[in-house]
């Protein structure tokens, strides 16, 4: 095969290859046979045709946050959809059309100026479409559910080159499978999503000394069980490096941090939001004096800054699981198991997260009350600590995972039951019978 056989895919060592293979996850090798950045739907169609012609698997790269989640890239072609199309917001219908390649940081300023927001994640650098297709766990989620349920339609380039719109009324099986099915169906080039009114949010972080962790964690869990749906929180053990810009109570320190958001769709909702926040923090502050408290009224545009997710690419390793509530007697062991981890996180679920959507996809709700996510810099210490934490929480693991939090194809991952899996595979085979996108499908690894 000559190099021109792969045109428009760029070979290794070229600027175009470097651009298309750039990844946030530096621990996962990105070494395909060729790579291409598509700037239009026509570019995507052309790239799919070439991959089909040369019989090479085609994998997708957007921001690269989960580049290691699917099969290794060697001998494959990589397509980076980064379309030169604008975001289109319709404030009257409360919808937005988001082209492939946009991140939440790209689109939130445009959406929030209308008094609206989307069910975005905790990091502004994550790609919108990949996040949506993986379910999407938002700090608005206990009120509005998984972000995948906010998708109205998806425009997809299939393996045969056809450009189709999938929705509840057109190609409904494909629309169902795309939302949480694990990839491998085609290239989604645009998503139309519902927006929600959001005047302000109460957001921020309360920080405690780690010595108080074993007392605070069970109390937070008890509160979280029946908390109002307007609030979604994350309880974390943090060990952040002394980075510039971090406040002194976080930089180079090991701390307990409780962050999240309380929604206030209208100005009149702010007093109720403040009461909800006080009802959470007052009992916890009575148990242990906080080191810092930054909760305040903010614009919805500021919410992705709350969680302090890194903005620059980094080599990391992680583990995650959907879990049941942790027994009070097991909290100390779990919290102490991963001393070198950057974050040991438990994200509050329940509320609307647990409610099936009337027109939902393959993943439309999560029944577990908590999501565990452990992450640290790639290396032996992190690998050891992730194993130790997994052993400590194993009695509470449900066997299921949230797709957006799985970062490597060898990790345990299971999104749905076997009956749903059969239906997903049936759709995948129908739209991609030769397996052009098979490498882009996340495997089930129990």
Protein backbone atom coordinates (compact mmCIF):
# COMPACT_ATOMS: atom_id res chain seq x y z
CA UNK A 1 0.00 0.00 0.00
CA UNK A 2 1.44 3.39 -0.96
CA UNK A 3 1.06 6.48 1.18
CA UNK A 4 -1.44 8.00 -1.26
CA UNK A 5 -3.79 5.07 -0.68
CA UNK A 6 -4.66 6.61 2.68
CA UNK A 7 -5.32 10.15 1.40
CA UNK A 8 -6.65 12.33 3.07
CA UNK A 9 -5.18 10.60 6.11
CA UNK A 10 -1.80 12.05 7.09
CA UNK A 11 1.12 9.71 7.79
CA UNK A 12 3.09 9.74 11.07
CA UNK A 13 5.53 12.59 11.46
CA UNK A 14 3.45 15.19 9.64
CA UNK A 15 1.75 18.27 11.16
CA UNK A 16 -1.66 17.00 10.09
CA UNK A 17 -1.06 13.71 11.87
CA UNK A 18 -0.02 15.50 15.06
CA UNK A 19 -3.12 17.70 14.99
CA UNK A 20 -5.53 14.80 14.46
CA UNK A 21 -3.96 12.57 17.13
CA UNK A 22 -3.60 15.20 19.88
CA UNK A 23 -5.01 13.71 23.07
CA UNK A 24 -5.79 14.86 26.59
CA UNK A 25 -4.87 11.40 27.92
CA UNK A 26 -1.09 11.28 27.55
CA UNK A 27 -0.80 7.80 29.06
CA UNK A 28 -2.52 6.16 26.08
CA UNK A 29 -0.38 5.72 22.94
CA UNK A 30 -1.90 7.32 19.84
CA UNK A 31 -0.05 5.72 16.92
CA UNK A 32 -2.44 4.95 14.04
CA UNK A 33 -1.36 4.29 10.47
CA UNK A 34 -2.83 7.64 9.44
CA UNK A 35 -4.86 10.48 10.90
CA UNK A 36 -7.08 13.22 9.50
CA UNK A 37 -8.94 16.24 10.88
CA UNK A 38 -12.33 16.63 9.16
CA UNK A 39 -13.54 20.22 8.84
CA UNK A 40 -16.85 19.45 7.13
CA UNK A 41 -19.40 16.69 6.74
CA UNK A 42 -18.05 16.13 3.22
CA UNK A 43 -14.61 15.58 4.75
CA UNK A 44 -16.08 12.95 7.05
CA UNK A 45 -17.84 11.19 4.16
CA UNK A 46 -14.58 11.18 2.17
CA UNK A 47 -12.59 9.81 5.10
CA UNK A 48 -15.11 7.03 5.70
CA UNK A 49 -14.97 6.10 2.01
CA UNK A 50 -11.16 5.88 2.07
CA UNK A 51 -11.10 3.75 5.24
CA UNK A 52 -13.67 1.43 3.69
CA UNK A 53 -11.68 1.25 0.43
CA UNK A 54 -8.36 0.35 2.10
CA UNK A 55 -10.07 -1.97 4.61
CA UNK A 56 -8.61 -0.30 7.67
CA UNK A 57 -10.56 0.16 10.92
CA UNK A 58 -11.63 3.75 11.54
CA UNK A 59 -11.47 5.13 15.08
CA UNK A 60 -12.55 8.55 16.31
CA UNK A 61 -10.63 11.10 18.34
CA UNK A 62 -12.20 14.29 19.65
CA UNK A 63 -10.59 15.80 22.74
CA UNK A 64 -8.89 12.53 23.64
CA UNK A 65 -10.08 12.41 27.25
CA UNK A 66 -10.95 8.74 26.79
CA UNK A 67 -8.50 7.84 24.06
CA UNK A 68 -7.54 4.61 25.83
CA UNK A 69 -11.14 3.41 26.29
CA UNK A 70 -11.38 1.44 23.03
CA UNK A 71 -9.04 -0.82 21.07
CA UNK A 72 -5.35 0.03 20.46
CA UNK A 73 -4.91 2.24 17.38
CA UNK A 74 -2.01 0.51 15.61
CA UNK A 75 -2.88 -0.29 11.95
CA UNK A 76 -6.07 1.78 12.24
CA UNK A 77 -6.96 5.15 10.81
CA UNK A 78 -7.99 7.96 13.15
CA UNK A 79 -10.55 10.60 12.26
CA UNK A 80 -10.75 13.81 14.27
CA UNK A 81 -14.08 15.53 13.52
CA UNK A 82 -13.59 19.27 14.08
CA UNK A 83 -16.23 20.84 11.91
CA UNK A 84 -16.04 24.48 10.84
CA UNK A 85 -19.70 25.05 11.60
CA UNK A 86 -21.20 27.43 14.16
CA UNK A 87 -23.22 26.48 17.18
CA UNK A 88 -26.87 27.32 16.51
CA UNK A 89 -28.98 28.25 19.53
CA UNK A 90 -32.76 28.68 19.31
CA UNK A 91 -33.87 30.35 22.55
CA UNK A 92 -37.55 30.07 21.60
CA UNK A 93 -37.51 26.28 21.37
CA UNK A 94 -34.73 26.03 23.98
CA UNK A 95 -32.55 23.89 21.73
CA UNK A 96 -29.05 24.01 20.30
CA UNK A 97 -27.41 22.33 17.33
CA UNK A 98 -23.83 21.41 18.25
CA UNK A 99 -21.35 20.42 15.50
CA UNK A 100 -18.74 17.73 16.12
CA UNK A 101 -15.55 18.96 17.75
CA UNK A 102 -17.06 21.58 20.04
CA UNK A 103 -16.24 21.46 23.74
CA UNK A 104 -18.44 22.65 26.58
CA UNK A 105 -16.10 25.59 26.98
CA UNK A 106 -16.77 26.52 23.36
CA UNK A 107 -20.54 26.57 23.61
CA UNK A 108 -21.53 27.53 27.16
CA UNK A 109 -20.87 31.27 26.70
CA UNK A 110 -23.27 31.31 23.75
CA UNK A 111 -25.97 29.31 25.53
CA UNK A 112 -25.90 30.99 28.92
CA UNK A 113 -26.39 34.49 27.51
CA UNK A 114 -30.00 33.48 26.80
CA UNK A 115 -30.59 32.46 30.42
CA UNK A 116 -30.28 28.81 29.40
CA UNK A 117 -27.78 26.06 30.00
CA UNK A 118 -27.07 22.48 28.92
CA UNK A 119 -26.55 19.37 31.04
CA UNK A 120 -22.77 19.67 30.71
CA UNK A 121 -20.10 17.87 32.65
CA UNK A 122 -17.62 19.08 35.26
CA UNK A 123 -14.87 19.92 32.75
CA UNK A 124 -15.10 22.64 30.10
CA UNK A 125 -12.51 20.90 27.92
CA UNK A 126 -14.55 17.75 27.27
CA UNK A 127 -16.10 17.29 23.83
CA UNK A 128 -19.87 17.79 23.78
CA UNK A 129 -20.88 14.90 21.52
CA UNK A 130 -18.70 12.23 23.12
CA UNK A 131 -19.94 13.24 26.55
CA UNK A 132 -23.57 13.10 25.44
CA UNK A 133 -23.24 9.69 23.78
CA UNK A 134 -21.64 8.33 26.96
CA UNK A 135 -24.66 9.23 29.07
CA UNK A 136 -23.42 12.48 30.56
CA UNK A 137 -23.33 12.94 34.36
CA UNK A 138 -23.92 16.60 35.14
CA UNK A 139 -24.12 18.66 38.32
CA UNK A 140 -27.66 19.37 37.09
CA UNK A 141 -28.39 15.65 36.76
CA UNK A 142 -30.30 14.95 39.95
CA UNK A 143 -32.89 17.43 38.72
CA UNK A 144 -32.86 16.77 34.96
CA UNK A 145 -31.38 13.27 34.53
CA UNK A 146 -28.63 11.99 32.25
CA UNK A 147 -27.53 14.40 29.54
CA UNK A 148 -28.11 11.73 26.86
CA UNK A 149 -31.84 12.13 27.49
CA UNK A 150 -31.60 15.76 26.38
CA UNK A 151 -30.63 14.76 22.83
CA UNK A 152 -33.38 15.48 20.27
CA UNK A 153 -31.60 14.22 17.18
CA UNK A 154 -28.20 13.14 15.89
CA UNK A 155 -26.75 13.54 12.41
CA UNK A 156 -24.56 10.54 11.59
CA UNK A 157 -22.26 9.47 8.75
CA UNK A 158 -22.66 5.71 8.44
CA UNK A 159 -20.13 3.14 7.24
CA UNK A 160 -21.60 3.16 3.73
CA UNK A 161 -21.19 6.96 3.51
CA UNK A 162 -24.87 7.82 3.97
CA UNK A 163 -25.60 10.90 6.07
CA UNK A 164 -28.72 10.28 8.16
CA UNK A 165 -30.59 12.01 10.93
CA UNK A 166 -31.53 9.75 13.80
CA UNK A 167 -34.32 10.79 16.16
CA UNK A 168 -37.35 9.42 17.93
CA UNK A 169 -39.26 9.39 14.62
CA UNK A 170 -36.51 8.69 12.06
CA UNK A 171 -34.15 5.74 12.41
CA UNK A 172 -35.37 5.27 16.02
CA UNK A 173 -33.38 2.05 16.59
CA UNK A 174 -30.15 3.82 15.65
CA UNK A 175 -31.12 6.83 17.78
CA UNK A 176 -31.73 4.51 20.72
CA UNK A 177 -28.41 2.68 20.33
CA UNK A 178 -26.29 5.80 19.84
CA UNK A 179 -27.30 7.16 23.23
CA UNK A 180 -25.19 5.04 25.56
CA UNK A 181 -24.64 2.07 23.27
CA UNK A 182 -20.86 2.34 23.41
CA UNK A 183 -19.90 3.67 19.97
CA UNK A 184 -19.08 1.87 16.77
CA UNK A 185 -22.17 2.99 14.82
CA UNK A 186 -20.74 5.78 12.67
CA UNK A 187 -19.50 9.35 12.97
CA UNK A 188 -21.88 11.73 14.74
CA UNK A 189 -21.36 15.11 13.09
CA UNK A 190 -24.08 17.10 14.88
CA UNK A 191 -26.30 16.81 17.94
CA UNK A 192 -29.50 18.74 18.57
CA UNK A 193 -30.03 19.05 22.31
CA UNK A 194 -32.60 20.46 24.70
CA UNK A 195 -31.57 23.36 26.92
CA UNK A 196 -32.95 24.24 30.35
CA UNK A 197 -33.64 27.64 31.94
CA UNK A 198 -30.95 28.53 34.49
CA UNK A 199 -30.72 31.99 36.06
CA UNK A 200 -27.99 31.27 38.59
CA UNK A 201 -26.32 28.40 40.41
CA UNK A 202 -25.02 28.12 43.93
CA UNK A 203 -21.66 26.45 43.49
CA UNK A 204 -18.35 26.12 45.25
CA UNK A 205 -16.36 23.90 47.56
CA UNK A 206 -16.14 23.25 51.29
CA UNK A 207 -12.78 21.92 52.47
CA UNK A 208 -11.93 19.98 55.64
CA UNK A 209 -8.86 18.42 57.19
CA UNK A 210 -8.51 14.78 56.06
CA UNK A 211 -8.48 13.64 59.69
CA UNK A 212 -12.22 14.38 59.73
CA UNK A 213 -12.98 12.25 56.67
CA UNK A 214 -14.32 9.14 58.41
CA UNK A 215 -16.84 11.25 60.36
CA UNK A 216 -17.93 13.45 57.47
CA UNK A 217 -18.33 10.82 54.76
CA UNK A 218 -21.11 8.74 56.42
CA UNK A 219 -22.97 11.93 57.37
CA UNK A 220 -22.77 13.20 53.79
CA UNK A 221 -23.96 9.83 52.48
CA UNK A 222 -26.96 9.85 54.83
CA UNK A 223 -27.88 13.37 53.71
CA UNK A 224 -27.35 12.47 50.02
CA UNK A 225 -29.82 9.60 50.21
CA UNK A 226 -32.91 11.84 50.40
CA UNK A 227 -31.48 15.18 49.27
CA UNK A 228 -33.64 17.51 47.14
CA UNK A 229 -33.13 17.00 43.38
CA UNK A 230 -32.01 20.63 42.96
CA UNK A 231 -28.60 19.76 44.42
CA UNK A 232 -25.89 17.43 43.09
CA UNK A 233 -22.59 17.04 44.93
CA UNK A 234 -19.23 15.30 44.88
CA UNK A 235 -17.37 14.12 48.01
CA UNK A 236 -13.64 13.83 47.36
CA UNK A 237 -10.34 13.11 49.03
CA UNK A 238 -7.96 15.39 47.11
CA UNK A 239 -4.15 15.41 46.96
CA UNK A 240 -3.34 18.21 44.54
CA UNK A 241 0.20 19.22 43.56
CA UNK A 242 1.39 22.75 44.41
CA UNK A 243 0.23 24.21 41.12
CA UNK A 244 0.18 27.96 40.42
CA UNK A 245 -3.28 29.44 40.89
CA UNK A 246 -4.43 26.95 43.51
CA UNK A 247 -5.37 28.49 46.88
CA UNK A 248 -3.00 27.70 49.78
CA UNK A 249 -5.50 25.37 51.45
CA UNK A 250 -5.39 23.10 48.35
CA UNK A 251 -1.94 23.51 46.80
CA UNK A 252 0.26 20.62 47.86
CA UNK A 253 -2.26 19.54 50.51
CA UNK A 254 -4.34 16.44 51.19
CA UNK A 255 -7.89 17.51 52.02
CA UNK A 256 -11.54 16.52 52.01
CA UNK A 257 -13.56 18.57 49.51
CA UNK A 258 -17.32 18.71 48.99
CA UNK A 259 -18.35 20.53 45.83
CA UNK A 260 -21.26 20.67 43.40
CA UNK A 261 -24.19 22.90 42.50
CA UNK A 262 -27.67 23.91 43.56
CA UNK A 263 -29.91 25.03 40.71
CA UNK A 264 -31.88 28.29 40.61
CA UNK A 265 -33.80 28.34 37.33
CA UNK A 266 -35.30 31.75 38.15
CA UNK A 267 -34.23 34.55 40.47
CA UNK A 268 -37.09 33.65 42.82
CA UNK A 269 -35.50 30.20 43.32
CA UNK A 270 -32.35 31.57 44.96
CA UNK A 271 -33.66 31.66 48.57
CA UNK A 272 -34.78 28.02 48.33
CA UNK A 273 -31.41 27.08 46.82
CA UNK A 274 -29.63 28.72 49.74
CA UNK A 275 -31.77 26.79 52.22
CA UNK A 276 -30.92 23.52 50.49
CA UNK A 277 -27.22 24.33 50.68
CA UNK A 278 -27.45 25.29 54.35
CA UNK A 279 -29.30 22.06 55.16
CA UNK A 280 -26.39 20.12 53.70
CA UNK A 281 -23.47 22.10 55.11
CA UNK A 282 -24.69 22.99 58.61
CA UNK A 283 -24.68 19.43 60.05
CA UNK A 284 -21.33 18.69 58.41
CA UNK A 285 -19.76 21.91 59.71
CA UNK A 286 -21.06 21.02 63.17
CA UNK A 287 -19.16 17.72 62.97
CA UNK A 288 -15.90 19.34 61.85
CA UNK A 289 -14.78 22.94 61.30
CA UNK A 290 -14.13 23.61 57.58
CA UNK A 291 -10.73 24.86 56.45
CA UNK A 292 -12.38 26.86 53.65
CA UNK A 293 -15.79 27.47 52.10
CA UNK A 294 -16.19 29.05 48.65
CA UNK A 295 -19.88 28.36 47.91
CA UNK A 296 -21.50 31.42 46.31
CA UNK A 297 -24.05 32.53 43.73
CA UNK A 298 -22.54 32.32 40.24
CA UNK A 299 -23.37 32.38 36.56
CA UNK A 300 -24.07 28.93 35.08
CA UNK A 301 -21.10 29.56 32.80
CA UNK A 302 -18.81 29.33 35.84
CA UNK A 303 -19.96 25.89 36.96
CA UNK A 304 -17.31 23.85 35.05
CA UNK A 305 -14.62 25.65 37.09
CA UNK A 306 -15.95 24.27 40.39
CA UNK A 307 -14.54 20.75 40.14
CA UNK A 308 -10.98 21.89 39.35
CA UNK A 309 -10.57 19.37 36.53
CA UNK A 310 -7.19 19.87 34.79
CA UNK A 311 -7.26 22.06 31.69
CA UNK A 312 -4.03 20.75 30.14
CA UNK A 313 -3.26 17.23 28.85
CA UNK A 314 -1.91 14.85 31.48
CA UNK A 315 -0.85 11.20 31.78
CA UNK A 316 -3.28 9.62 34.20
CA UNK A 317 -4.70 6.28 35.33
CA UNK A 318 -8.11 5.80 36.83
CA UNK A 319 -10.76 3.37 37.97
CA UNK A 320 -14.50 3.81 38.38
CA UNK A 321 -17.63 1.92 39.34
CA UNK A 322 -21.27 2.47 40.14
CA UNK A 323 -21.62 1.47 43.77
CA UNK A 324 -24.13 1.02 46.56
CA UNK A 325 -23.86 2.97 49.81
CA UNK A 326 -20.71 2.23 51.80
CA UNK A 327 -21.17 0.79 55.29
CA UNK A 328 -20.18 3.19 58.07
CA UNK A 329 -17.56 0.76 59.37
CA UNK A 330 -15.87 0.58 55.94
CA UNK A 331 -15.46 4.30 55.25
CA UNK A 332 -12.10 4.73 56.99
CA UNK A 333 -10.53 1.83 55.11
CA UNK A 334 -11.84 3.09 51.75
CA UNK A 335 -10.71 6.68 52.28
CA UNK A 336 -7.24 5.68 53.46
CA UNK A 337 -6.58 3.11 50.73
CA UNK A 338 -5.29 5.47 48.04
CA UNK A 339 -2.88 8.00 49.57
CA UNK A 340 -1.12 8.81 46.27
CA UNK A 341 -4.30 9.34 44.25
CA UNK A 342 -4.99 12.85 43.02
CA UNK A 343 -8.67 12.27 43.75
CA UNK A 344 -10.81 9.62 45.40
CA UNK A 345 -14.29 10.78 44.37
CA UNK A 346 -17.82 9.73 45.20
CA UNK A 347 -20.38 11.53 43.08
CA UNK A 348 -23.95 11.76 44.30
CA UNK A 349 -26.52 10.15 42.00
CA UNK A 350 -30.18 9.40 42.73
CA UNK A 351 -32.94 11.88 41.96
CA UNK A 352 -33.65 12.17 38.23
CA UNK A 353 -30.52 10.13 37.46
CA UNK A 354 -32.47 7.07 38.61
CA UNK A 355 -35.63 7.75 36.55
CA UNK A 356 -35.93 5.99 33.13
CA UNK A 357 -36.66 8.40 30.28
CA UNK A 358 -39.84 7.92 28.26
CA UNK A 359 -37.86 8.11 25.01
CA UNK A 360 -34.46 7.17 26.39
CA UNK A 361 -31.59 5.35 24.74
CA UNK A 362 -29.57 2.28 25.63
CA UNK A 363 -28.42 4.14 28.75
CA UNK A 364 -31.12 6.45 30.11
CA UNK A 365 -30.77 6.17 33.90
CA UNK A 366 -28.50 4.95 36.69
CA UNK A 367 -30.00 3.09 39.63
CA UNK A 368 -26.89 3.14 41.84
CA UNK A 369 -26.78 5.89 44.47
CA UNK A 370 -23.06 6.66 44.04
CA UNK A 371 -20.37 6.81 41.37
CA UNK A 372 -16.82 6.04 42.49
CA UNK A 373 -13.94 7.53 40.49
CA UNK A 374 -10.29 7.25 41.51
CA UNK A 375 -7.59 9.00 39.48
CA UNK A 376 -3.90 9.79 39.74
CA UNK A 377 -0.79 10.43 37.69
CA UNK A 378 0.19 7.38 35.66
CA UNK A 379 2.71 5.22 37.46
CA UNK A 380 3.24 2.37 39.89
CA UNK A 381 1.96 4.26 42.96
CA UNK A 382 -1.34 5.13 41.30
CA UNK A 383 -1.80 1.59 39.96
CA UNK A 384 -1.17 0.18 43.44
CA UNK A 385 -3.54 2.61 45.13
CA UNK A 386 -6.32 2.04 42.61
CA UNK A 387 -6.13 -1.69 43.35
CA UNK A 388 -6.25 -1.01 47.07
CA UNK A 389 -9.30 1.26 46.78
CA UNK A 390 -11.05 -1.25 44.54
CA UNK A 391 -10.47 -3.95 47.17
CA UNK A 392 -11.85 -1.69 49.90
CA UNK A 393 -15.07 -0.85 48.04
CA UNK A 394 -15.56 -4.24 46.35
CA UNK A 395 -18.47 -5.31 48.63
CA UNK A 396 -20.44 -2.33 47.35
CA UNK A 397 -19.66 -2.53 43.61
CA UNK A 398 -22.78 -3.11 41.47
CA UNK A 399 -20.96 -4.55 38.46
CA UNK A 400 -21.92 -1.59 36.25
CA UNK A 401 -19.96 1.47 35.15
CA UNK A 402 -20.67 4.93 33.74
CA UNK A 403 -19.14 5.12 30.23
CA UNK A 404 -17.72 8.63 30.55
CA UNK A 405 -15.64 7.57 33.55
CA UNK A 406 -13.93 4.54 31.96
CA UNK A 407 -10.51 5.59 30.69
CA UNK A 408 -8.88 2.37 29.44
CA UNK A 409 -10.12 -0.58 27.40
CA UNK A 410 -8.75 -3.08 29.94
CA UNK A 411 -10.81 -1.62 32.80
CA UNK A 412 -13.98 -3.24 34.03
CA UNK A 413 -16.85 -1.74 32.08
CA UNK A 414 -20.46 -2.75 31.72
CA UNK A 415 -23.15 -0.24 30.85
CA UNK A 416 -26.28 -2.37 30.50
CA UNK A 417 -27.74 -5.83 30.97
CA UNK A 418 -27.38 -8.70 28.49
CA UNK A 419 -30.78 -8.13 26.92
CA UNK A 420 -29.91 -4.53 26.09
CA UNK A 421 -26.49 -5.63 24.89
CA UNK A 422 -28.05 -8.00 22.34
CA UNK A 423 -30.26 -5.19 21.03
CA UNK A 424 -27.30 -2.80 20.79
CA UNK A 425 -25.21 -5.35 18.88
CA UNK A 426 -28.09 -5.98 16.50
CA UNK A 427 -28.23 -2.29 15.61
CA UNK A 428 -24.44 -2.05 15.31
CA UNK A 429 -24.36 -5.00 12.89
CA UNK A 430 -27.18 -3.50 10.82
CA UNK A 431 -25.47 -0.13 10.30
CA UNK A 432 -21.87 -1.40 10.08
CA UNK A 433 -21.95 -4.99 8.78
CA UNK A 434 -18.26 -5.04 7.82
CA UNK A 435 -17.06 -3.71 11.17
CA UNK A 436 -15.47 -0.50 9.88
CA UNK A 437 -16.09 1.17 13.25
CA UNK A 438 -15.79 -2.00 15.37
CA UNK A 439 -12.60 -0.78 17.05
CA UNK A 440 -14.43 2.32 18.22
CA UNK A 441 -16.94 0.26 20.22
CA UNK A 442 -16.29 0.04 23.95
CA UNK A 443 -16.02 -3.62 25.01
CA UNK A 444 -17.96 -5.13 27.90
CA UNK A 445 -15.40 -6.31 30.46
CA UNK A 446 -16.98 -7.58 33.67
